[in-house]
Amino acid sequence: MLNFKKEKVNIDDKLKQRIDFICKFCGFKPTFESGNIISLDKTNLYYIEPNKAIIKDILILFFNYSNEVYINNLNNKVLLKDLEDYLKKLS
């Protein structure tokens, strides 16, 4: 039987502040949720679940120390510097 462990990953404060600032500048209030590191016992397999920000029913996924965010899934990549333009299109 496979057992797994989940460990909470703290969101990098600087990255959280940047995303929060961009959202407030565009008139949105984000809700943040920390990601997890999921590991299978007795293996060396790990999955890093991304941190999440929910902005106006849109899921923004991001990893600590990265300059990229993902919209709704890991296929739609947007640079952090372009997040403002993306959010302005929503208003």
Protein backbone atom coordinates (compact mmCIF):
# COMPACT_ATOMS: atom_id res chain seq x y z
CA MET A 1 0.00 0.00 0.00
CA LEU A 2 1.31 3.44 -0.91
CA ASN A 3 1.28 6.05 1.78
CA PHE A 4 1.99 9.69 1.17
CA LYS A 5 2.95 12.67 3.29
CA LYS A 6 1.89 16.26 2.73
CA GLU A 7 4.00 19.14 3.96
CA LYS A 8 2.83 22.74 3.73
CA VAL A 9 5.08 25.11 1.76
CA ASN A 10 5.18 28.69 2.99
CA ILE A 11 4.61 31.31 0.31
CA ASP A 12 7.65 33.51 -0.31
CA ASP A 13 6.80 36.88 1.27
CA LYS A 14 8.32 38.99 -1.52
CA LEU A 15 6.44 37.10 -4.23
CA LYS A 16 3.19 37.30 -2.27
CA GLN A 17 3.67 41.06 -1.84
CA ARG A 18 4.32 41.51 -5.58
CA ILE A 19 1.20 39.59 -6.58
CA ASP A 20 -0.87 41.37 -3.92
CA PHE A 21 0.39 44.78 -5.11
CA ILE A 22 -0.39 43.99 -8.77
CA CYS A 23 -3.89 42.81 -7.84
CA LYS A 24 -4.65 45.84 -5.68
CA PHE A 25 -3.36 48.15 -8.42
CA CYS A 26 -5.87 46.51 -10.79
CA GLY A 27 -8.67 46.70 -8.21
CA PHE A 28 -8.80 43.04 -7.13
CA LYS A 29 -8.48 41.38 -3.73
CA PRO A 30 -6.58 38.07 -3.99
CA THR A 31 -7.07 35.12 -1.66
CA PHE A 32 -3.87 33.12 -1.10
CA GLU A 33 -3.45 29.43 -0.32
CA SER A 34 -0.12 27.73 0.34
CA GLY A 35 1.00 24.79 -1.75
CA ASN A 36 2.25 21.42 -0.55
CA ILE A 37 5.10 19.02 -1.08
CA ILE A 38 3.62 15.56 -1.48
CA SER A 39 5.96 12.61 -1.11
CA LEU A 40 5.37 8.88 -1.41
CA ASP A 41 6.76 6.90 1.52
CA LYS A 42 9.72 4.62 0.79
CA THR A 43 10.34 6.27 -2.61
CA ASN A 44 12.17 9.31 -3.86
CA LEU A 45 9.09 10.64 -5.70
CA TYR A 46 7.90 14.13 -4.84
CA TYR A 47 5.24 16.40 -6.27
CA ILE A 48 5.38 20.10 -5.57
CA GLU A 49 1.86 21.49 -5.55
CA PRO A 50 1.96 25.17 -6.52
CA ASN A 51 0.81 28.03 -4.33
CA LYS A 52 -2.55 29.47 -5.31
CA ALA A 53 -4.13 32.89 -5.53
CA ILE A 54 -7.80 33.23 -6.38
CA ILE A 55 -8.66 36.46 -8.15
CA LYS A 56 -12.21 37.07 -9.35
CA ASP A 57 -12.94 33.30 -9.71
CA ILE A 58 -9.68 32.78 -11.64
CA LEU A 59 -7.04 30.46 -10.24
CA ILE A 60 -3.49 31.79 -10.39
CA LEU A 61 -0.82 29.16 -9.70
CA PHE A 62 2.74 30.11 -8.79
CA PHE A 63 5.89 28.59 -7.37
CA ASN A 64 8.21 30.26 -4.87
CA TYR A 65 11.19 32.10 -6.37
CA SER A 66 9.73 32.07 -9.89
CA ASN A 67 8.93 34.98 -12.21
CA GLU A 68 6.11 33.09 -13.90
CA VAL A 69 2.49 32.52 -12.91
CA TYR A 70 0.01 30.10 -14.43
CA ILE A 71 -3.63 30.85 -15.18
CA ASN A 72 -6.10 28.07 -14.21
CA ASN A 73 -3.61 25.26 -15.03
CA LEU A 74 0.08 24.73 -15.67
CA ASN A 75 -0.34 25.09 -19.45
CA ASN A 76 -1.17 28.83 -19.49
CA LYS A 77 2.05 30.57 -18.45
CA VAL A 78 2.25 34.35 -17.97
CA LEU A 79 5.29 36.28 -16.81
CA LEU A 80 4.76 38.03 -13.50
CA LYS A 81 5.48 41.38 -15.12
CA ASP A 82 2.61 40.73 -17.59
CA LEU A 83 0.09 39.75 -14.90
CA GLU A 84 -1.08 43.35 -14.62
CA ASP A 85 -2.01 43.45 -18.32
CA TYR A 86 -3.86 40.14 -17.99
CA LEU A 87 -5.84 41.37 -14.97
CA LYS A 88 -6.73 44.65 -16.65
CA LYS A 89 -8.38 42.67 -19.45
CA LEU A 90 -10.66 41.08 -16.84
CA SER A 91 -12.08 44.38 -15.59
